[in-house]
């Protein structure tokens, strides 16, 4: 996880939301772990008519002004990475007059 560019924190969670590994801004952050597991539970219940019962998400991205979270499932673990948004990219979202 340390090799991910612009990474400022990470969590590795068990399926039940227990923190298995953590580092950086997210070190031992059980509040974020609870929010992430609640979000995953909610996403799995969104519109059963639009998605088949066995279809699960592959990746969730949550973007803020200066950072973003990427959430992935793999091998029955939940991986969460908090990454900074490079200044040059975030400046592209503003209009200077």
PDB file of N, CA and C in Angstrom:
ATOM      1  N   UNK A   1       0.818  -1.194   0.000  1.00  0.00           N
ATOM      2  CA  UNK A   1       0.000   0.000   0.000  1.00  0.00           C
ATOM      3  C   UNK A   1       0.866   1.264   0.000  1.00  0.00           C
ATOM      4  N   UNK A   2       2.061   1.171   0.548  1.00  0.00           N
ATOM      5  CA  UNK A   2       2.925   2.347   0.627  1.00  0.00           C
ATOM      6  C   UNK A   2       3.432   2.810  -0.737  1.00  0.00           C
ATOM      7  N   UNK A   3       3.333   1.961  -1.754  1.00  0.00           N
ATOM      8  CA  UNK A   3       3.858   2.298  -3.078  1.00  0.00           C
ATOM      9  C   UNK A   3       2.848   3.061  -3.937  1.00  0.00           C
ATOM     10  N   UNK A   4       1.639   3.266  -3.448  1.00  0.00           N
ATOM     11  CA  UNK A   4       0.608   3.959  -4.226  1.00  0.00           C
ATOM     12  C   UNK A   4       0.959   5.446  -4.271  1.00  0.00           C
ATOM     13  N   UNK A   5       1.020   6.030  -5.478  1.00  0.00           N
ATOM     14  CA  UNK A   5       1.395   7.443  -5.599  1.00  0.00           C
ATOM     15  C   UNK A   5       0.373   8.350  -4.901  1.00  0.00           C
ATOM     16  N   UNK A   6       0.829   9.411  -4.283  1.00  0.00           N
ATOM     17  CA  UNK A   6       0.002  10.416  -3.617  1.00  0.00           C
ATOM     18  C   UNK A   6      -0.823   9.850  -2.467  1.00  0.00           C
ATOM     19  N   UNK A   7      -0.475   8.663  -1.977  1.00  0.00           N
ATOM     20  CA  UNK A   7      -1.212   8.043  -0.880  1.00  0.00           C
ATOM     21  C   UNK A   7      -0.882   8.755   0.420  1.00  0.00           C
ATOM     22  N   UNK A   8      -1.920   9.143   1.178  1.00  0.00           N
ATOM     23  CA  UNK A   8      -1.689   9.808   2.459  1.00  0.00           C
ATOM     24  C   UNK A   8      -2.294   9.005   3.617  1.00  0.00           C
ATOM     25  N   UNK A   9      -2.917   7.873   3.292  1.00  0.00           N
ATOM     26  CA  UNK A   9      -3.458   7.010   4.327  1.00  0.00           C
ATOM     27  C   UNK A   9      -4.116   5.794   3.711  1.00  0.00           C
ATOM     28  N   UNK A  10      -4.225   4.722   4.497  1.00  0.00           N
ATOM     29  CA  UNK A  10      -4.892   3.521   3.985  1.00  0.00           C
ATOM     30  C   UNK A  10      -5.482   2.708   5.127  1.00  0.00           C
ATOM     31  N   UNK A  11      -6.477   1.911   4.777  1.00  0.00           N
ATOM     32  CA  UNK A  11      -7.095   0.954   5.687  1.00  0.00           C
ATOM     33  C   UNK A  11      -7.260  -0.357   4.945  1.00  0.00           C
ATOM     34  N   UNK A  12      -7.039  -1.456   5.625  1.00  0.00           N
ATOM     35  CA  UNK A  12      -7.416  -2.777   5.134  1.00  0.00           C
ATOM     36  C   UNK A  12      -8.384  -3.314   6.174  1.00  0.00           C
ATOM     37  N   UNK A  13      -9.608  -3.623   5.730  1.00  0.00           N
ATOM     38  CA  UNK A  13     -10.664  -4.032   6.640  1.00  0.00           C
ATOM     39  C   UNK A  13     -11.112  -5.451   6.356  1.00  0.00           C
ATOM     40  N   UNK A  14     -11.553  -6.141   7.400  1.00  0.00           N
ATOM     41  CA  UNK A  14     -12.222  -7.426   7.225  1.00  0.00           C
ATOM     42  C   UNK A  14     -13.632  -7.137   6.721  1.00  0.00           C
ATOM     43  N   UNK A  15     -14.330  -8.160   6.267  1.00  0.00           N
ATOM     44  CA  UNK A  15     -15.688  -7.964   5.745  1.00  0.00           C
ATOM     45  C   UNK A  15     -16.627  -7.340   6.779  1.00  0.00           C
ATOM     46  N   UNK A  16     -16.374  -7.592   8.050  1.00  0.00           N
ATOM     47  CA  UNK A  16     -17.231  -7.039   9.104  1.00  0.00           C
ATOM     48  C   UNK A  16     -16.831  -5.623   9.513  1.00  0.00           C
ATOM     49  N   UNK A  17     -15.793  -5.065   8.879  1.00  0.00           N
ATOM     50  CA  UNK A  17     -15.365  -3.698   9.147  1.00  0.00           C
ATOM     51  C   UNK A  17     -14.229  -3.577  10.143  1.00  0.00           C
ATOM     52  N   UNK A  18     -13.753  -4.685  10.690  1.00  0.00           N
ATOM     53  CA  UNK A  18     -12.631  -4.636  11.629  1.00  0.00           C
ATOM     54  C   UNK A  18     -11.363  -4.191  10.903  1.00  0.00           C
ATOM     55  N   UNK A  19     -10.602  -3.299  11.524  1.00  0.00           N
ATOM     56  CA  UNK A  19      -9.362  -2.799  10.929  1.00  0.00           C
ATOM     57  C   UNK A  19      -8.274  -3.860  11.068  1.00  0.00           C
ATOM     58  N   UNK A  20      -7.759  -4.327   9.922  1.00  0.00           N
ATOM     59  CA  UNK A  20      -6.678  -5.315   9.909  1.00  0.00           C
ATOM     60  C   UNK A  20      -5.317  -4.644   9.795  1.00  0.00           C
ATOM     61  N   UNK A  21      -5.250  -3.617   8.959  1.00  0.00           N
ATOM     62  CA  UNK A  21      -4.020  -2.839   8.753  1.00  0.00           C
ATOM     63  C   UNK A  21      -4.419  -1.403   8.534  1.00  0.00           C
ATOM     64  N   UNK A  22      -3.519  -0.483   8.859  1.00  0.00           N
ATOM     65  CA  UNK A  22      -3.797   0.929   8.614  1.00  0.00           C
ATOM     66  C   UNK A  22      -2.499   1.708   8.622  1.00  0.00           C
ATOM     67  N   UNK A  23      -2.556   2.916   8.085  1.00  0.00           N
ATOM     68  CA  UNK A  23      -1.378   3.764   8.081  1.00  0.00           C
ATOM     69  C   UNK A  23      -1.717   5.170   7.662  1.00  0.00           C
ATOM     70  N   UNK A  24      -0.793   6.091   7.881  1.00  0.00           N
ATOM     71  CA  UNK A  24      -0.959   7.478   7.479  1.00  0.00           C
ATOM     72  C   UNK A  24      -2.134   8.148   8.176  1.00  0.00           C
ATOM     73  N   UNK A  25      -2.860   8.986   7.447  1.00  0.00           N
ATOM     74  CA  UNK A  25      -4.007   9.720   7.990  1.00  0.00           C
ATOM     75  C   UNK A  25      -5.111   8.800   8.510  1.00  0.00           C
ATOM     76  N   UNK A  26      -5.162   7.571   8.035  1.00  0.00           N
ATOM     77  CA  UNK A  26      -6.232   6.653   8.422  1.00  0.00           C
ATOM     78  C   UNK A  26      -5.791   5.631   9.469  1.00  0.00           C
ATOM     79  N   UNK A  27      -4.634   5.825  10.073  1.00  0.00           N
ATOM     80  CA  UNK A  27      -4.132   4.852  11.043  1.00  0.00           C
ATOM     81  C   UNK A  27      -5.113   4.679  12.202  1.00  0.00           C
ATOM     82  N   UNK A  28      -5.569   3.435  12.373  1.00  0.00           N
ATOM     83  CA  UNK A  28      -6.521   3.054  13.425  1.00  0.00           C
ATOM     84  C   UNK A  28      -7.788   3.907  13.433  1.00  0.00           C
ATOM     85  N   UNK A  29      -8.214   4.384  12.273  1.00  0.00           N
ATOM     86  CA  UNK A  29      -9.396   5.251  12.180  1.00  0.00           C
ATOM     87  C   UNK A  29     -10.660   4.396  12.053  1.00  0.00           C
ATOM     88  N   UNK A  30     -11.195   3.995  13.182  1.00  0.00           N
ATOM     89  CA  UNK A  30     -12.379   3.137  13.188  1.00  0.00           C
ATOM     90  C   UNK A  30     -13.636   3.888  12.759  1.00  0.00           C
ATOM     91  N   UNK A  31     -13.651   5.207  12.915  1.00  0.00           N
ATOM     92  CA  UNK A  31     -14.791   6.008  12.466  1.00  0.00           C
ATOM     93  C   UNK A  31     -14.934   5.905  10.943  1.00  0.00           C
ATOM     94  N   UNK A  32     -13.832   6.079  10.231  1.00  0.00           N
ATOM     95  CA  UNK A  32     -13.859   5.957   8.765  1.00  0.00           C
ATOM     96  C   UNK A  32     -14.178   4.517   8.375  1.00  0.00           C
ATOM     97  N   UNK A  33     -13.639   3.548   9.098  1.00  0.00           N
ATOM     98  CA  UNK A  33     -13.925   2.135   8.802  1.00  0.00           C
ATOM     99  C   UNK A  33     -15.423   1.861   8.897  1.00  0.00           C
ATOM    100  N   UNK A  34     -16.073   2.404   9.911  1.00  0.00           N
ATOM    101  CA  UNK A  34     -17.525   2.224  10.071  1.00  0.00           C
ATOM    102  C   UNK A  34     -18.289   2.887   8.934  1.00  0.00           C
ATOM    103  N   UNK A  35     -17.880   4.079   8.551  1.00  0.00           N
ATOM    104  CA  UNK A  35     -18.538   4.788   7.444  1.00  0.00           C
ATOM    105  C   UNK A  35     -18.393   3.991   6.153  1.00  0.00           C
ATOM    106  N   UNK A  36     -17.200   3.464   5.895  1.00  0.00           N
ATOM    107  CA  UNK A  36     -16.947   2.704   4.667  1.00  0.00           C
ATOM    108  C   UNK A  36     -17.795   1.434   4.636  1.00  0.00           C
ATOM    109  N   UNK A  37     -17.832   0.689   5.733  1.00  0.00           N
ATOM    110  CA  UNK A  37     -18.631  -0.551   5.740  1.00  0.00           C
ATOM    111  C   UNK A  37     -20.113  -0.241   5.604  1.00  0.00           C
ATOM    112  N   UNK A  38     -20.588   0.853   6.205  1.00  0.00           N
ATOM    113  CA  UNK A  38     -21.992   1.262   6.026  1.00  0.00           C
ATOM    114  C   UNK A  38     -22.271   1.628   4.568  1.00  0.00           C
ATOM    115  N   UNK A  39     -21.321   2.316   3.925  1.00  0.00           N
ATOM    116  CA  UNK A  39     -21.471   2.682   2.515  1.00  0.00           C
ATOM    117  C   UNK A  39     -21.530   1.439   1.627  1.00  0.00           C
ATOM    118  N   UNK A  40     -20.702   0.454   1.913  1.00  0.00           N
ATOM    119  CA  UNK A  40     -20.701  -0.787   1.134  1.00  0.00           C
ATOM    120  C   UNK A  40     -22.028  -1.522   1.320  1.00  0.00           C
ATOM    121  N   UNK A  41     -22.498  -1.596   2.548  1.00  0.00           N
ATOM    122  CA  UNK A  41     -23.791  -2.234   2.820  1.00  0.00           C
ATOM    123  C   UNK A  41     -24.903  -1.532   2.057  1.00  0.00           C
ATOM    124  N   UNK A  42     -24.883  -0.213   2.067  1.00  0.00           N
ATOM    125  CA  UNK A  42     -25.883   0.566   1.345  1.00  0.00           C
ATOM    126  C   UNK A  42     -25.785   0.348  -0.155  1.00  0.00           C
ATOM    127  N   UNK A  43     -24.560   0.335  -0.693  1.00  0.00           N
ATOM    128  CA  UNK A  43     -24.378   0.175  -2.139  1.00  0.00           C
ATOM    129  C   UNK A  43     -24.858  -1.183  -2.628  1.00  0.00           C
ATOM    130  N   UNK A  44     -24.765  -2.195  -1.777  1.00  0.00           N
ATOM    131  CA  UNK A  44     -25.226  -3.530  -2.161  1.00  0.00           C
ATOM    132  C   UNK A  44     -26.751  -3.643  -2.156  1.00  0.00           C
ATOM    133  N   UNK A  45     -27.420  -2.649  -1.582  1.00  0.00           N
ATOM    134  CA  UNK A  45     -28.882  -2.672  -1.518  1.00  0.00           C
ATOM    135  C   UNK A  45     -29.533  -1.702  -2.497  1.00  0.00           C
ATOM    136  N   UNK A  46     -28.736  -0.988  -3.280  1.00  0.00           N
ATOM    137  CA  UNK A  46     -29.266   0.020  -4.193  1.00  0.00           C
ATOM    138  C   UNK A  46     -29.986  -0.641  -5.357  1.00  0.00           C
ATOM    139  N   UNK A  47     -31.206  -0.269  -5.575  1.00  0.00           N
ATOM    140  CA  UNK A  47     -32.052  -0.643  -6.699  1.00  0.00           C
ATOM    141  C   UNK A  47     -31.832  -2.069  -7.211  1.00  0.00           C
ATOM    142  N   UNK A  48     -32.436  -3.052  -6.555  1.00  0.00           N
ATOM    143  CA  UNK A  48     -32.270  -4.445  -6.987  1.00  0.00           C
ATOM    144  C   UNK A  48     -32.795  -4.710  -8.397  1.00  0.00           C
ATOM    145  N   UNK A  49     -33.646  -3.823  -8.925  1.00  0.00           N
ATOM    146  CA  UNK A  49     -34.134  -3.990 -10.303  1.00  0.00           C
ATOM    147  C   UNK A  49     -33.060  -3.628 -11.327  1.00  0.00           C
ATOM    148  N   UNK A  50     -32.180  -2.705 -10.964  1.00  0.00           N
ATOM    149  CA  UNK A  50     -31.147  -2.248 -11.892  1.00  0.00           C
ATOM    150  C   UNK A  50     -29.928  -3.165 -11.913  1.00  0.00           C
ATOM    151  N   UNK A  51     -29.687  -3.884 -10.799  1.00  0.00           N
ATOM    152  CA  UNK A  51     -28.520  -4.739 -10.690  1.00  0.00           C
ATOM    153  C   UNK A  51     -28.958  -6.143 -10.325  1.00  0.00           C
ATOM    154  N   UNK A  52     -28.281  -7.125 -10.871  1.00  0.00           N
ATOM    155  CA  UNK A  52     -28.614  -8.507 -10.518  1.00  0.00           C
ATOM    156  C   UNK A  52     -28.206  -8.764  -9.068  1.00  0.00           C
ATOM    157  N   UNK A  53     -28.823  -9.736  -8.398  1.00  0.00           N
ATOM    158  CA  UNK A  53     -28.522  -9.989  -6.985  1.00  0.00           C
ATOM    159  C   UNK A  53     -27.062 -10.349  -6.712  1.00  0.00           C
ATOM    160  N   UNK A  54     -26.373 -10.933  -7.678  1.00  0.00           N
ATOM    161  CA  UNK A  54     -24.982 -11.329  -7.480  1.00  0.00           C
ATOM    162  C   UNK A  54     -23.987 -10.253  -7.910  1.00  0.00           C
ATOM    163  N   UNK A  55     -24.497  -9.147  -8.461  1.00  0.00           N
ATOM    164  CA  UNK A  55     -23.613  -8.091  -8.961  1.00  0.00           C
ATOM    165  C   UNK A  55     -23.214  -7.168  -7.815  1.00  0.00           C
ATOM    166  N   UNK A  56     -21.932  -7.044  -7.580  1.00  0.00           N
ATOM    167  CA  UNK A  56     -21.393  -6.179  -6.532  1.00  0.00           C
ATOM    168  C   UNK A  56     -20.530  -5.109  -7.185  1.00  0.00           C
ATOM    169  N   UNK A  57     -20.280  -4.045  -6.462  1.00  0.00           N
ATOM    170  CA  UNK A  57     -19.436  -2.993  -7.011  1.00  0.00           C
ATOM    171  C   UNK A  57     -17.996  -3.475  -7.125  1.00  0.00           C
ATOM    172  N   UNK A  58     -17.242  -2.838  -7.999  1.00  0.00           N
ATOM    173  CA  UNK A  58     -15.831  -3.166  -8.161  1.00  0.00           C
ATOM    174  C   UNK A  58     -14.960  -2.111  -7.489  1.00  0.00           C
ATOM    175  N   UNK A  59     -15.408  -0.846  -7.565  1.00  0.00           N
ATOM    176  CA  UNK A  59     -14.631   0.241  -6.985  1.00  0.00           C
ATOM    177  C   UNK A  59     -15.571   1.395  -6.675  1.00  0.00           C
ATOM    178  N   UNK A  60     -15.356   2.031  -5.555  1.00  0.00           N
ATOM    179  CA  UNK A  60     -16.083   3.249  -5.197  1.00  0.00           C
ATOM    180  C   UNK A  60     -15.045   4.348  -5.011  1.00  0.00           C
ATOM    181  N   UNK A  61     -15.282   5.493  -5.619  1.00  0.00           N
ATOM    182  CA  UNK A  61     -14.409   6.658  -5.438  1.00  0.00           C
ATOM    183  C   UNK A  61     -15.219   7.778  -4.808  1.00  0.00           C
ATOM    184  N   UNK A  62     -14.646   8.418  -3.807  1.00  0.00           N
ATOM    185  CA  UNK A  62     -15.269   9.561  -3.142  1.00  0.00           C
ATOM    186  C   UNK A  62     -14.279  10.708  -3.253  1.00  0.00           C
ATOM    187  N   UNK A  63     -14.694  11.798  -3.897  1.00  0.00           N
ATOM    188  CA  UNK A  63     -13.779  12.897  -4.195  1.00  0.00           C
ATOM    189  C   UNK A  63     -14.130  14.151  -3.405  1.00  0.00           C
ATOM    190  N   UNK A  64     -13.135  14.737  -2.779  1.00  0.00           N
ATOM    191  CA  UNK A  64     -13.236  16.009  -2.082  1.00  0.00           C
ATOM    192  C   UNK A  64     -12.350  17.008  -2.812  1.00  0.00           C
ATOM    193  N   UNK A  65     -12.300  18.252  -2.336  1.00  0.00           N
ATOM    194  CA  UNK A  65     -11.499  19.277  -3.011  1.00  0.00           C
ATOM    195  C   UNK A  65     -10.007  18.948  -3.030  1.00  0.00           C
ATOM    196  N   UNK A  66      -9.485  18.430  -1.921  1.00  0.00           N
ATOM    197  CA  UNK A  66      -8.045  18.238  -1.832  1.00  0.00           C
ATOM    198  C   UNK A  66      -7.599  16.783  -1.705  1.00  0.00           C
ATOM    199  N   UNK A  67      -8.554  15.852  -1.599  1.00  0.00           N
ATOM    200  CA  UNK A  67      -8.209  14.436  -1.505  1.00  0.00           C
ATOM    201  C   UNK A  67      -9.364  13.582  -1.998  1.00  0.00           C
ATOM    202  N   UNK A  68      -9.089  12.295  -2.167  1.00  0.00           N
ATOM    203  CA  UNK A  68     -10.131  11.355  -2.566  1.00  0.00           C
ATOM    204  C   UNK A  68      -9.858   9.997  -1.968  1.00  0.00           C
ATOM    205  N   UNK A  69     -10.926   9.227  -1.832  1.00  0.00           N
ATOM    206  CA  UNK A  69     -10.841   7.876  -1.308  1.00  0.00           C
ATOM    207  C   UNK A  69     -11.166   6.897  -2.428  1.00  0.00           C
ATOM    208  N   UNK A  70     -10.431   5.811  -2.495  1.00  0.00           N
ATOM    209  CA  UNK A  70     -10.726   4.720  -3.409  1.00  0.00           C
ATOM    210  C   UNK A  70     -10.978   3.487  -2.554  1.00  0.00           C
ATOM    211  N   UNK A  71     -12.115   2.824  -2.790  1.00  0.00           N
ATOM    212  CA  UNK A  71     -12.513   1.658  -1.997  1.00  0.00           C
ATOM    213  C   UNK A  71     -12.668   0.484  -2.943  1.00  0.00           C
ATOM    214  N   UNK A  72     -11.972  -0.613  -2.666  1.00  0.00           N
ATOM    215  CA  UNK A  72     -12.032  -1.818  -3.495  1.00  0.00           C
ATOM    216  C   UNK A  72     -12.202  -3.048  -2.610  1.00  0.00           C
ATOM    217  N   UNK A  73     -12.835  -4.075  -3.164  1.00  0.00           N
ATOM    218  CA  UNK A  73     -12.947  -5.364  -2.491  1.00  0.00           C
ATOM    219  C   UNK A  73     -12.047  -6.359  -3.200  1.00  0.00           C
ATOM    220  N   UNK A  74     -11.322  -7.160  -2.423  1.00  0.00           N
ATOM    221  CA  UNK A  74     -10.485  -8.204  -2.990  1.00  0.00           C
ATOM    222  C   UNK A  74     -10.193  -9.236  -1.907  1.00  0.00           C
ATOM    223  N   UNK A  75     -10.333 -10.512  -2.247  1.00  0.00           N
ATOM    224  CA  UNK A  75     -10.034 -11.606  -1.319  1.00  0.00           C
ATOM    225  C   UNK A  75     -10.712 -11.433   0.042  1.00  0.00           C
ATOM    226  N   UNK A  76     -11.984 -11.056   0.005  1.00  0.00           N
ATOM    227  CA  UNK A  76     -12.800 -10.882   1.216  1.00  0.00           C
ATOM    228  C   UNK A  76     -12.247  -9.820   2.160  1.00  0.00           C
ATOM    229  N   UNK A  77     -11.513  -8.870   1.601  1.00  0.00           N
ATOM    230  CA  UNK A  77     -11.017  -7.735   2.374  1.00  0.00           C
ATOM    231  C   UNK A  77     -11.448  -6.454   1.665  1.00  0.00           C
ATOM    232  N   UNK A  78     -11.558  -5.391   2.435  1.00  0.00           N
ATOM    233  CA  UNK A  78     -11.920  -4.076   1.911  1.00  0.00           C
ATOM    234  C   UNK A  78     -10.667  -3.210   1.989  1.00  0.00           C
ATOM    235  N   UNK A  79     -10.245  -2.689   0.849  1.00  0.00           N
ATOM    236  CA  UNK A  79      -9.064  -1.834   0.784  1.00  0.00           C
ATOM    237  C   UNK A  79      -9.514  -0.394   0.565  1.00  0.00           C
ATOM    238  N   UNK A  80      -9.040   0.500   1.412  1.00  0.00           N
ATOM    239  CA  UNK A  80      -9.381   1.918   1.324  1.00  0.00           C
ATOM    240  C   UNK A  80      -8.085   2.698   1.252  1.00  0.00           C
ATOM    241  N   UNK A  81      -7.958   3.554   0.246  1.00  0.00           N
ATOM    242  CA  UNK A  81      -6.768   4.391   0.110  1.00  0.00           C
ATOM    243  C   UNK A  81      -7.214   5.834   0.038  1.00  0.00           C
ATOM    244  N   UNK A  82      -6.603   6.656   0.867  1.00  0.00           N
ATOM    245  CA  UNK A  82      -6.830   8.102   0.813  1.00  0.00           C
ATOM    246  C   UNK A  82      -5.657   8.701   0.057  1.00  0.00           C
ATOM    247  N   UNK A  83      -5.979   9.396  -1.035  1.00  0.00           N
ATOM    248  CA  UNK A  83      -4.932   9.981  -1.877  1.00  0.00           C
ATOM    249  C   UNK A  83      -5.129  11.480  -1.975  1.00  0.00           C
ATOM    250  N   UNK A  84      -4.032  12.194  -2.038  1.00  0.00           N
ATOM    251  CA  UNK A  84      -4.125  13.646  -2.229  1.00  0.00           C
ATOM    252  C   UNK A  84      -4.347  13.929  -3.707  1.00  0.00           C
ATOM    253  N   UNK A  85      -5.025  15.014  -3.963  1.00  0.00           N
ATOM    254  CA  UNK A  85      -5.227  15.456  -5.349  1.00  0.00           C
ATOM    255  C   UNK A  85      -4.144  16.479  -5.641  1.00  0.00           C
ATOM    256  N   UNK A  86      -3.319  16.220  -6.645  1.00  0.00           N
ATOM    257  CA  UNK A  86      -2.262  17.175  -6.966  1.00  0.00           C
ATOM    258  C   UNK A  86      -2.841  18.559  -7.241  1.00  0.00           C
ATOM    259  N   UNK A  87      -2.157  19.590  -6.801  1.00  0.00           N
ATOM    260  CA  UNK A  87      -2.624  20.960  -6.925  1.00  0.00           C
ATOM    261  C   UNK A  87      -2.987  21.313  -8.364  1.00  0.00           C
ATOM    262  N   UNK A  88      -2.185  20.869  -9.324  1.00  0.00           N
ATOM    263  CA  UNK A  88      -2.447  21.195 -10.730  1.00  0.00           C
ATOM    264  C   UNK A  88      -3.788  20.632 -11.183  1.00  0.00           C
ATOM    265  N   UNK A  89      -4.179  19.455 -10.700  1.00  0.00           N
ATOM    266  CA  UNK A  89      -5.458  18.856 -11.079  1.00  0.00           C
ATOM    267  C   UNK A  89      -6.600  19.598 -10.415  1.00  0.00           C
ATOM    268  N   UNK A  90      -6.481  19.901  -9.124  1.00  0.00           N
ATOM    269  CA  UNK A  90      -7.568  20.575  -8.422  1.00  0.00           C
ATOM    270  C   UNK A  90      -7.756  21.992  -8.924  1.00  0.00           C
ATOM    271  N   UNK A  91      -6.679  22.637  -9.413  1.00  0.00           N
ATOM    272  CA  UNK A  91      -6.814  23.988  -9.967  1.00  0.00           C
ATOM    273  C   UNK A  91      -7.659  23.966 -11.230  1.00  0.00           C
ATOM    274  N   UNK A  92      -7.696  22.849 -11.937  1.00  0.00           N
ATOM    275  CA  UNK A  92      -8.494  22.756 -13.151  1.00  0.00           C
ATOM    276  C   UNK A  92      -9.996  22.805 -12.875  1.00  0.00           C
ATOM    277  N   UNK A  93     -10.408  22.642 -11.615  1.00  0.00           N
ATOM    278  CA  UNK A  93     -11.821  22.678 -11.261  1.00  0.00           C
ATOM    279  C   UNK A  93     -12.298  24.076 -10.923  1.00  0.00           C
ATOM    280  N   UNK A  94     -11.400  25.055 -10.903  1.00  0.00           N
ATOM    281  CA  UNK A  94     -11.800  26.418 -10.555  1.00  0.00           C
ATOM    282  C   UNK A  94     -11.700  27.312 -11.788  1.00  0.00           C
ATOM    283  N   UNK A  95     -12.507  28.349 -11.764  1.00  0.00           N
ATOM    284  CA  UNK A  95     -12.488  29.326 -12.855  1.00  0.00           C
ATOM    285  C   UNK A  95     -12.062  30.664 -12.264  1.00  0.00           C
ATOM    286  N   UNK A  96     -10.972  31.175 -12.735  1.00  0.00           N
ATOM    287  CA  UNK A  96     -10.484  32.472 -12.275  1.00  0.00           C
ATOM    288  C   UNK A  96     -10.921  33.546 -13.254  1.00  0.00           C
ATOM    289  N   UNK A  97     -11.550  34.594 -12.714  1.00  0.00           N
ATOM    290  CA  UNK A  97     -12.059  35.672 -13.574  1.00  0.00           C
ATOM    291  C   UNK A  97     -11.327  36.936 -13.263  1.00  0.00           C
TER     292      UNK A  97
END
